[in-house]
Amino acid sequence: MTRFRMAGAAAVAFSLLAGCAQYTAMPRPGYESRGTEDMSSDQMMQTDFNRTLTIAMRDNLSSLMALMTKLYKRNPREWRKSGKPSMEVAAETVRRSIDARTPPAGLQGLGDVEILAVSLDPAYTGDRVAAFIYGMADTIVAAHDGKTRFYAFDLLDGGRVYNAARNVEAAAWLLGTRRDAKGEPLLLANEWTDKQVNLSFEREFGAVIGRLDLIANLLGENSRRLGINYAQNLMLFSFLPVR
């Protein structure tokens, strides 16, 4: 599974740094766009590190939306299970459920890895793509304390973000290996034939895992620097004049 980590690591670091320079952020209406974001008052409460966290979250959710579209195209029977009139309507329903953190139909009361596990259960008869994408999105958001935008007063646990990366890594591996009772893949993803090689799923998963690993490392370094800066301030402290 380590190849997923290597697939997007270098590009991730560059894209996050470039994004910070442009003040990009996750689009509020949805997660498809990765363009720039207009300046807003809430950005005054964000440090450079908060901007990096926000950009990474936005791009991870964008990657999941791209994966959802690919999975629906390769597995049209899944969106039809939702009863929606088209793939686009089914995809929009999933987007809105992620925005509202409302699980897909039949999965109320479950969250993050629970829904992810159900989506990869051969016995599940619902829209497997919707459950899979929602489960991954909820796993990532839950690891970030339920937030998608971050400010100076937010404190995140790097260990949870690291665990989310491993969960996505495991989900990617299971997606490619899990079979039903007939020996058929639960969901068609990467395609490797004599005529065509399509590894776009692997690349997208690699980008998500790379971002999460980078953020987990940055969170650890950020906490370490806060402690060092505090100690340095104590050593260099001088009393202020009062008269």
C-alpha atoms as a PDB file:
ATOM      1  CA  MET A   1       0.000   0.000   0.000  1.00  0.00           C
ATOM      2  CA  THR A   2       3.022   2.306   0.338  1.00  0.00           C
ATOM      3  CA  ARG A   3       2.887   3.157  -3.377  1.00  0.00           C
ATOM      4  CA  PHE A   4      -0.240   5.226  -2.666  1.00  0.00           C
ATOM      5  CA  ARG A   5       1.812   7.396  -0.290  1.00  0.00           C
ATOM      6  CA  MET A   6       4.542   7.952  -2.886  1.00  0.00           C
ATOM      7  CA  ALA A   7       2.137   8.727  -5.739  1.00  0.00           C
ATOM      8  CA  GLY A   8       1.170  12.230  -4.633  1.00  0.00           C
ATOM      9  CA  ALA A   9       3.741  13.322  -2.037  1.00  0.00           C
ATOM     10  CA  ALA A  10       5.937  15.642  -4.130  1.00  0.00           C
ATOM     11  CA  ALA A  11       3.055  17.301  -5.973  1.00  0.00           C
ATOM     12  CA  VAL A  12       1.156  17.774  -2.728  1.00  0.00           C
ATOM     13  CA  ALA A  13       3.843  19.841  -1.035  1.00  0.00           C
ATOM     14  CA  PHE A  14       4.192  22.113  -4.070  1.00  0.00           C
ATOM     15  CA  SER A  15       0.444  22.586  -4.527  1.00  0.00           C
ATOM     16  CA  LEU A  16      -0.108  23.487  -0.879  1.00  0.00           C
ATOM     17  CA  LEU A  17       2.665  26.063  -0.880  1.00  0.00           C
ATOM     18  CA  ALA A  18       1.472  27.524  -4.167  1.00  0.00           C
ATOM     19  CA  GLY A  19      -2.067  27.635  -2.838  1.00  0.00           C
ATOM     20  CA  CYS A  20      -1.028  29.570   0.255  1.00  0.00           C
ATOM     21  CA  ALA A  21       0.538  32.242  -1.897  1.00  0.00           C
ATOM     22  CA  GLN A  22      -2.779  32.691  -3.745  1.00  0.00           C
ATOM     23  CA  TYR A  23      -4.957  32.627  -0.616  1.00  0.00           C
ATOM     24  CA  THR A  24      -6.899  29.690  -1.988  1.00  0.00           C
ATOM     25  CA  ALA A  25      -9.514  27.906   0.080  1.00  0.00           C
ATOM     26  CA  MET A  26     -12.174  25.259  -0.258  1.00  0.00           C
ATOM     27  CA  PRO A  27     -15.159  26.645  -2.193  1.00  0.00           C
ATOM     28  CA  ARG A  28     -18.101  27.031   0.152  1.00  0.00           C
ATOM     29  CA  PRO A  29     -20.867  25.739  -2.202  1.00  0.00           C
ATOM     30  CA  GLY A  30     -19.098  22.483  -3.029  1.00  0.00           C
ATOM     31  CA  TYR A  31     -15.787  20.723  -3.442  1.00  0.00           C
ATOM     32  CA  GLU A  32     -15.194  20.482  -7.181  1.00  0.00           C
ATOM     33  CA  SER A  33     -13.173  23.661  -7.728  1.00  0.00           C
ATOM     34  CA  ARG A  34      -9.564  24.102  -6.717  1.00  0.00           C
ATOM     35  CA  GLY A  35      -9.253  27.699  -7.854  1.00  0.00           C
ATOM     36  CA  THR A  36      -8.581  30.816  -5.870  1.00  0.00           C
ATOM     37  CA  GLU A  37     -10.903  32.142  -3.190  1.00  0.00           C
ATOM     38  CA  ASP A  38     -11.836  35.784  -2.772  1.00  0.00           C
ATOM     39  CA  MET A  39     -10.505  37.492   0.320  1.00  0.00           C
ATOM     40  CA  SER A  40     -12.972  37.289   3.203  1.00  0.00           C
ATOM     41  CA  SER A  41     -13.138  38.602   6.757  1.00  0.00           C
ATOM     42  CA  ASP A  42     -12.647  35.153   8.297  1.00  0.00           C
ATOM     43  CA  GLN A  43      -9.182  34.945   6.724  1.00  0.00           C
ATOM     44  CA  MET A  44      -8.068  37.616   9.205  1.00  0.00           C
ATOM     45  CA  MET A  45      -8.346  34.913  11.862  1.00  0.00           C
ATOM     46  CA  GLN A  46      -6.212  32.449   9.915  1.00  0.00           C
ATOM     47  CA  THR A  47      -2.462  32.012  10.182  1.00  0.00           C
ATOM     48  CA  ASP A  48      -0.414  30.753   7.241  1.00  0.00           C
ATOM     49  CA  PHE A  49      -0.607  27.290   8.808  1.00  0.00           C
ATOM     50  CA  ASN A  50      -4.407  27.548   9.088  1.00  0.00           C
ATOM     51  CA  ARG A  51      -4.552  28.434   5.404  1.00  0.00           C
ATOM     52  CA  THR A  52      -2.483  25.351   4.575  1.00  0.00           C
ATOM     53  CA  LEU A  53      -4.860  23.149   6.590  1.00  0.00           C
ATOM     54  CA  THR A  54      -7.903  24.684   4.890  1.00  0.00           C
ATOM     55  CA  ILE A  55      -6.421  24.275   1.416  1.00  0.00           C
ATOM     56  CA  ALA A  56      -5.471  20.658   2.088  1.00  0.00           C
ATOM     57  CA  MET A  57      -8.980  19.878   3.322  1.00  0.00           C
ATOM     58  CA  ARG A  58     -10.549  21.551   0.296  1.00  0.00           C
ATOM     59  CA  ASP A  59      -8.334  19.639  -2.113  1.00  0.00           C
ATOM     60  CA  ASN A  60      -8.917  16.323  -0.348  1.00  0.00           C
ATOM     61  CA  LEU A  61     -12.670  16.765  -0.647  1.00  0.00           C
ATOM     62  CA  SER A  62     -12.211  17.785  -4.287  1.00  0.00           C
ATOM     63  CA  SER A  63     -10.282  14.562  -4.858  1.00  0.00           C
ATOM     64  CA  LEU A  64     -13.106  12.558  -3.318  1.00  0.00           C
ATOM     65  CA  MET A  65     -15.601  14.250  -5.635  1.00  0.00           C
ATOM     66  CA  ALA A  66     -13.399  13.316  -8.596  1.00  0.00           C
ATOM     67  CA  LEU A  67     -13.219   9.727  -7.345  1.00  0.00           C
ATOM     68  CA  MET A  68     -16.999   9.647  -6.960  1.00  0.00           C
ATOM     69  CA  THR A  69     -17.519  10.732 -10.567  1.00  0.00           C
ATOM     70  CA  LYS A  70     -15.054   8.104 -11.809  1.00  0.00           C
ATOM     71  CA  LEU A  71     -16.681   5.369  -9.729  1.00  0.00           C
ATOM     72  CA  TYR A  72     -20.194   6.289 -10.844  1.00  0.00           C
ATOM     73  CA  LYS A  73     -19.092   6.236 -14.493  1.00  0.00           C
ATOM     74  CA  ARG A  74     -17.533   2.799 -14.119  1.00  0.00           C
ATOM     75  CA  ASN A  75     -20.358   1.489 -11.939  1.00  0.00           C
ATOM     76  CA  PRO A  76     -23.607   3.099 -13.189  1.00  0.00           C
ATOM     77  CA  ARG A  77     -25.714   0.495 -11.398  1.00  0.00           C
ATOM     78  CA  GLU A  78     -24.760   2.176  -8.105  1.00  0.00           C
ATOM     79  CA  TRP A  79     -26.213   5.623  -8.768  1.00  0.00           C
ATOM     80  CA  ARG A  80     -29.330   3.944 -10.150  1.00  0.00           C
ATOM     81  CA  LYS A  81     -29.825   2.281  -6.747  1.00  0.00           C
ATOM     82  CA  SER A  82     -30.368   5.765  -5.286  1.00  0.00           C
ATOM     83  CA  GLY A  83     -33.498   6.241  -7.379  1.00  0.00           C
ATOM     84  CA  LYS A  84     -32.149   9.523  -8.773  1.00  0.00           C
ATOM     85  CA  PRO A  85     -32.920  10.409 -12.410  1.00  0.00           C
ATOM     86  CA  SER A  86     -29.264  10.855 -13.408  1.00  0.00           C
ATOM     87  CA  MET A  87     -25.694  10.383 -12.272  1.00  0.00           C
ATOM     88  CA  GLU A  88     -25.323  14.139 -11.833  1.00  0.00           C
ATOM     89  CA  VAL A  89     -28.288  14.339  -9.460  1.00  0.00           C
ATOM     90  CA  ALA A  90     -27.014  11.356  -7.473  1.00  0.00           C
ATOM     91  CA  ALA A  91     -23.557  12.956  -7.205  1.00  0.00           C
ATOM     92  CA  GLU A  92     -25.045  16.276  -6.089  1.00  0.00           C
ATOM     93  CA  THR A  93     -26.994  14.456  -3.375  1.00  0.00           C
ATOM     94  CA  VAL A  94     -23.760  12.940  -2.056  1.00  0.00           C
ATOM     95  CA  ARG A  95     -22.054  16.345  -2.116  1.00  0.00           C
ATOM     96  CA  ARG A  96     -24.833  17.891  -0.075  1.00  0.00           C
ATOM     97  CA  SER A  97     -24.833  15.027   2.406  1.00  0.00           C
ATOM     98  CA  ILE A  98     -21.100  15.570   2.964  1.00  0.00           C
ATOM     99  CA  ASP A  99     -21.681  19.313   3.429  1.00  0.00           C
ATOM    100  CA  ALA A 100     -24.355  18.600   6.041  1.00  0.00           C
ATOM    101  CA  ARG A 101     -22.593  15.517   7.467  1.00  0.00           C
ATOM    102  CA  THR A 102     -25.812  13.577   6.942  1.00  0.00           C
ATOM    103  CA  PRO A 103     -25.181   9.875   6.159  1.00  0.00           C
ATOM    104  CA  PRO A 104     -26.711   8.290   3.045  1.00  0.00           C
ATOM    105  CA  ALA A 105     -30.146   6.691   3.304  1.00  0.00           C
ATOM    106  CA  GLY A 106     -30.180   3.607   5.488  1.00  0.00           C
ATOM    107  CA  LEU A 107     -26.932   4.501   7.267  1.00  0.00           C
ATOM    108  CA  GLN A 108     -28.247   6.988   9.821  1.00  0.00           C
ATOM    109  CA  GLY A 109     -26.574   6.604  13.197  1.00  0.00           C
ATOM    110  CA  LEU A 110     -23.285   5.517  11.622  1.00  0.00           C
ATOM    111  CA  GLY A 111     -20.260   7.651  10.873  1.00  0.00           C
ATOM    112  CA  ASP A 112     -16.758   7.782   9.346  1.00  0.00           C
ATOM    113  CA  VAL A 113     -15.080   4.335   9.402  1.00  0.00           C
ATOM    114  CA  GLU A 114     -18.353   2.571  10.227  1.00  0.00           C
ATOM    115  CA  ILE A 115     -19.874   3.745   6.950  1.00  0.00           C
ATOM    116  CA  LEU A 116     -16.620   3.029   5.137  1.00  0.00           C
ATOM    117  CA  ALA A 117     -16.739  -0.565   6.403  1.00  0.00           C
ATOM    118  CA  VAL A 118     -20.379  -0.981   5.340  1.00  0.00           C
ATOM    119  CA  SER A 119     -19.604   0.304   1.843  1.00  0.00           C
ATOM    120  CA  LEU A 120     -17.062  -2.497   1.397  1.00  0.00           C
ATOM    121  CA  ASP A 121     -19.292  -5.224   2.838  1.00  0.00           C
ATOM    122  CA  PRO A 122     -20.445  -7.632   0.084  1.00  0.00           C
ATOM    123  CA  ALA A 123     -23.823  -7.880   1.837  1.00  0.00           C
ATOM    124  CA  TYR A 124     -24.558  -4.144   1.449  1.00  0.00           C
ATOM    125  CA  THR A 125     -27.257  -3.538  -1.169  1.00  0.00           C
ATOM    126  CA  GLY A 126     -27.417   0.271  -1.183  1.00  0.00           C
ATOM    127  CA  ASP A 127     -25.547   2.791  -3.325  1.00  0.00           C
ATOM    128  CA  ARG A 128     -22.021   1.557  -2.631  1.00  0.00           C
ATOM    129  CA  VAL A 129     -20.309   4.543  -4.264  1.00  0.00           C
ATOM    130  CA  ALA A 130     -22.264   7.049  -2.150  1.00  0.00           C
ATOM    131  CA  ALA A 131     -21.461   5.134   1.040  1.00  0.00           C
ATOM    132  CA  PHE A 132     -17.784   4.726   0.109  1.00  0.00           C
ATOM    133  CA  ILE A 133     -17.216   8.399  -0.726  1.00  0.00           C
ATOM    134  CA  TYR A 134     -19.258   9.670   2.221  1.00  0.00           C
ATOM    135  CA  GLY A 135     -17.406   7.307   4.572  1.00  0.00           C
ATOM    136  CA  MET A 136     -14.011   8.554   3.412  1.00  0.00           C
ATOM    137  CA  ALA A 137     -15.055  12.204   3.559  1.00  0.00           C
ATOM    138  CA  ASP A 138     -16.502  11.805   7.049  1.00  0.00           C
ATOM    139  CA  THR A 139     -13.358   9.971   8.171  1.00  0.00           C
ATOM    140  CA  ILE A 140     -11.166  12.853   7.006  1.00  0.00           C
ATOM    141  CA  VAL A 141     -13.413  15.571   8.452  1.00  0.00           C
ATOM    142  CA  ALA A 142     -13.766  13.723  11.784  1.00  0.00           C
ATOM    143  CA  ALA A 143      -9.958  13.502  12.036  1.00  0.00           C
ATOM    144  CA  HIS A 144      -9.886  17.297  11.690  1.00  0.00           C
ATOM    145  CA  ASP A 145     -12.240  17.788  14.652  1.00  0.00           C
ATOM    146  CA  GLY A 146     -15.299  17.970  12.390  1.00  0.00           C
ATOM    147  CA  LYS A 147     -14.082  21.122  10.613  1.00  0.00           C
ATOM    148  CA  THR A 148     -13.264  22.051   7.034  1.00  0.00           C
ATOM    149  CA  ARG A 149     -11.929  25.572   7.705  1.00  0.00           C
ATOM    150  CA  PHE A 150      -9.350  26.343  10.353  1.00  0.00           C
ATOM    151  CA  TYR A 151      -8.472  29.358  12.464  1.00  0.00           C
ATOM    152  CA  ALA A 152      -5.813  30.501  14.929  1.00  0.00           C
ATOM    153  CA  PHE A 153      -7.634  29.034  17.939  1.00  0.00           C
ATOM    154  CA  ASP A 154      -8.082  25.544  16.411  1.00  0.00           C
ATOM    155  CA  LEU A 155      -5.979  22.711  17.817  1.00  0.00           C
ATOM    156  CA  LEU A 156      -5.810  19.481  15.826  1.00  0.00           C
ATOM    157  CA  ASP A 157      -4.363  16.082  16.695  1.00  0.00           C
ATOM    158  CA  GLY A 158      -1.741  15.004  14.171  1.00  0.00           C
ATOM    159  CA  GLY A 159      -2.172  11.385  15.248  1.00  0.00           C
ATOM    160  CA  ARG A 160      -5.811  11.395  14.155  1.00  0.00           C
ATOM    161  CA  VAL A 161      -4.923  12.856  10.769  1.00  0.00           C
ATOM    162  CA  TYR A 162      -2.240  10.180  10.388  1.00  0.00           C
ATOM    163  CA  ASN A 163      -4.826   7.505  11.206  1.00  0.00           C
ATOM    164  CA  ALA A 164      -7.164   9.001   8.598  1.00  0.00           C
ATOM    165  CA  ALA A 165      -4.393   8.647   6.004  1.00  0.00           C
ATOM    166  CA  ARG A 166      -3.988   4.973   6.894  1.00  0.00           C
ATOM    167  CA  ASN A 167      -7.757   4.473   6.674  1.00  0.00           C
ATOM    168  CA  VAL A 168      -7.832   5.974   3.186  1.00  0.00           C
ATOM    169  CA  GLU A 169      -4.868   3.794   2.251  1.00  0.00           C
ATOM    170  CA  ALA A 170      -6.675   0.692   3.507  1.00  0.00           C
ATOM    171  CA  ALA A 171      -9.899   1.713   1.733  1.00  0.00           C
ATOM    172  CA  ALA A 172      -8.016   2.122  -1.550  1.00  0.00           C
ATOM    173  CA  TRP A 173      -6.500  -1.341  -1.186  1.00  0.00           C
ATOM    174  CA  LEU A 174      -9.834  -2.936  -0.273  1.00  0.00           C
ATOM    175  CA  LEU A 175     -11.523  -1.214  -3.210  1.00  0.00           C
ATOM    176  CA  GLY A 176      -9.170  -3.027  -5.545  1.00  0.00           C
ATOM    177  CA  THR A 177      -9.316  -6.424  -3.842  1.00  0.00           C
ATOM    178  CA  ARG A 178     -12.744  -6.950  -2.243  1.00  0.00           C
ATOM    179  CA  ARG A 179     -14.997  -9.361  -4.174  1.00  0.00           C
ATOM    180  CA  ASP A 180     -18.618 -10.481  -3.979  1.00  0.00           C
ATOM    181  CA  ALA A 181     -19.873 -14.080  -3.710  1.00  0.00           C
ATOM    182  CA  LYS A 182     -19.416 -14.530  -7.476  1.00  0.00           C
ATOM    183  CA  GLY A 183     -15.807 -13.384  -7.346  1.00  0.00           C
ATOM    184  CA  GLU A 184     -16.588 -10.081  -9.064  1.00  0.00           C
ATOM    185  CA  PRO A 185     -15.181  -6.751  -7.779  1.00  0.00           C
ATOM    186  CA  LEU A 186     -17.596  -4.873  -5.522  1.00  0.00           C
ATOM    187  CA  LEU A 187     -16.723  -1.753  -7.510  1.00  0.00           C
ATOM    188  CA  LEU A 188     -14.777  -1.381 -10.740  1.00  0.00           C
ATOM    189  CA  ALA A 189     -11.913   1.071 -10.307  1.00  0.00           C
ATOM    190  CA  ASN A 190      -8.424   0.879 -11.868  1.00  0.00           C
ATOM    191  CA  GLU A 191      -8.388  -0.804 -15.267  1.00  0.00           C
ATOM    192  CA  TRP A 192      -5.443  -2.848 -16.485  1.00  0.00           C
ATOM    193  CA  THR A 193      -5.950  -4.685 -19.779  1.00  0.00           C
ATOM    194  CA  ASP A 194      -3.915  -5.496 -22.883  1.00  0.00           C
ATOM    195  CA  LYS A 195      -5.417  -2.440 -24.570  1.00  0.00           C
ATOM    196  CA  GLN A 196      -5.630   0.087 -21.742  1.00  0.00           C
ATOM    197  CA  VAL A 197      -4.067   0.967 -18.411  1.00  0.00           C
ATOM    198  CA  ASN A 198      -6.074   3.359 -16.233  1.00  0.00           C
ATOM    199  CA  LEU A 199      -4.493   4.126 -12.866  1.00  0.00           C
ATOM    200  CA  SER A 200      -6.296   7.439 -12.303  1.00  0.00           C
ATOM    201  CA  PHE A 201      -7.936   6.072  -9.149  1.00  0.00           C
ATOM    202  CA  GLU A 202      -4.565   5.180  -7.665  1.00  0.00           C
ATOM    203  CA  ARG A 203      -3.179   8.631  -8.445  1.00  0.00           C
ATOM    204  CA  GLU A 204      -6.147  10.377  -6.797  1.00  0.00           C
ATOM    205  CA  PHE A 205      -5.921   8.183  -3.707  1.00  0.00           C
ATOM    206  CA  GLY A 206      -2.179   8.847  -3.584  1.00  0.00           C
ATOM    207  CA  ALA A 207      -2.784  12.601  -3.610  1.00  0.00           C
ATOM    208  CA  VAL A 208      -5.243  12.374  -0.689  1.00  0.00           C
ATOM    209  CA  ILE A 209      -2.917  10.158   1.346  1.00  0.00           C
ATOM    210  CA  GLY A 210       0.047  12.410   0.577  1.00  0.00           C
ATOM    211  CA  ARG A 211      -1.800  15.519   1.769  1.00  0.00           C
ATOM    212  CA  LEU A 212      -2.966  13.835   4.967  1.00  0.00           C
ATOM    213  CA  ASP A 213       0.534  12.568   5.758  1.00  0.00           C
ATOM    214  CA  LEU A 214       1.999  16.009   5.109  1.00  0.00           C
ATOM    215  CA  ILE A 215      -0.572  17.676   7.377  1.00  0.00           C
ATOM    216  CA  ALA A 216       0.026  15.077  10.116  1.00  0.00           C
ATOM    217  CA  ASN A 217       3.756  15.837   9.978  1.00  0.00           C
ATOM    218  CA  LEU A 218       3.166  19.597   9.918  1.00  0.00           C
ATOM    219  CA  LEU A 219       0.853  19.361  12.933  1.00  0.00           C
ATOM    220  CA  GLY A 220       3.574  17.564  14.874  1.00  0.00           C
ATOM    221  CA  GLU A 221       6.157  20.150  13.865  1.00  0.00           C
ATOM    222  CA  ASN A 222       3.776  23.023  14.629  1.00  0.00           C
ATOM    223  CA  SER A 223       3.185  21.710  18.167  1.00  0.00           C
ATOM    224  CA  ARG A 224       6.925  21.259  18.671  1.00  0.00           C
ATOM    225  CA  ARG A 225       7.669  24.803  17.496  1.00  0.00           C
ATOM    226  CA  LEU A 226       4.995  26.250  19.793  1.00  0.00           C
ATOM    227  CA  GLY A 227       6.775  24.658  22.746  1.00  0.00           C
ATOM    228  CA  ILE A 228      10.188  25.855  21.577  1.00  0.00           C
ATOM    229  CA  ASN A 229       8.934  29.393  20.938  1.00  0.00           C
ATOM    230  CA  TYR A 230       7.346  29.514  24.388  1.00  0.00           C
ATOM    231  CA  ALA A 231      10.610  28.411  26.013  1.00  0.00           C
ATOM    232  CA  GLN A 232      12.593  30.942  23.971  1.00  0.00           C
ATOM    233  CA  ASN A 233      10.231  33.728  24.972  1.00  0.00           C
ATOM    234  CA  LEU A 234      10.684  32.834  28.620  1.00  0.00           C
ATOM    235  CA  MET A 235      14.473  32.910  28.300  1.00  0.00           C
ATOM    236  CA  LEU A 236      14.439  36.241  26.458  1.00  0.00           C
ATOM    237  CA  PHE A 237      11.720  37.794  28.564  1.00  0.00           C
ATOM    238  CA  SER A 238      12.355  41.282  29.903  1.00  0.00           C
ATOM    239  CA  PHE A 239      10.080  43.198  32.260  1.00  0.00           C
ATOM    240  CA  LEU A 240       8.175  46.065  30.717  1.00  0.00           C
ATOM    241  CA  PRO A 241       8.492  49.590  32.165  1.00  0.00           C
ATOM    242  CA  VAL A 242       5.559  50.757  34.276  1.00  0.00           C
ATOM    243  CA  ARG A 243       6.643  54.383  34.759  1.00  0.00           C
END
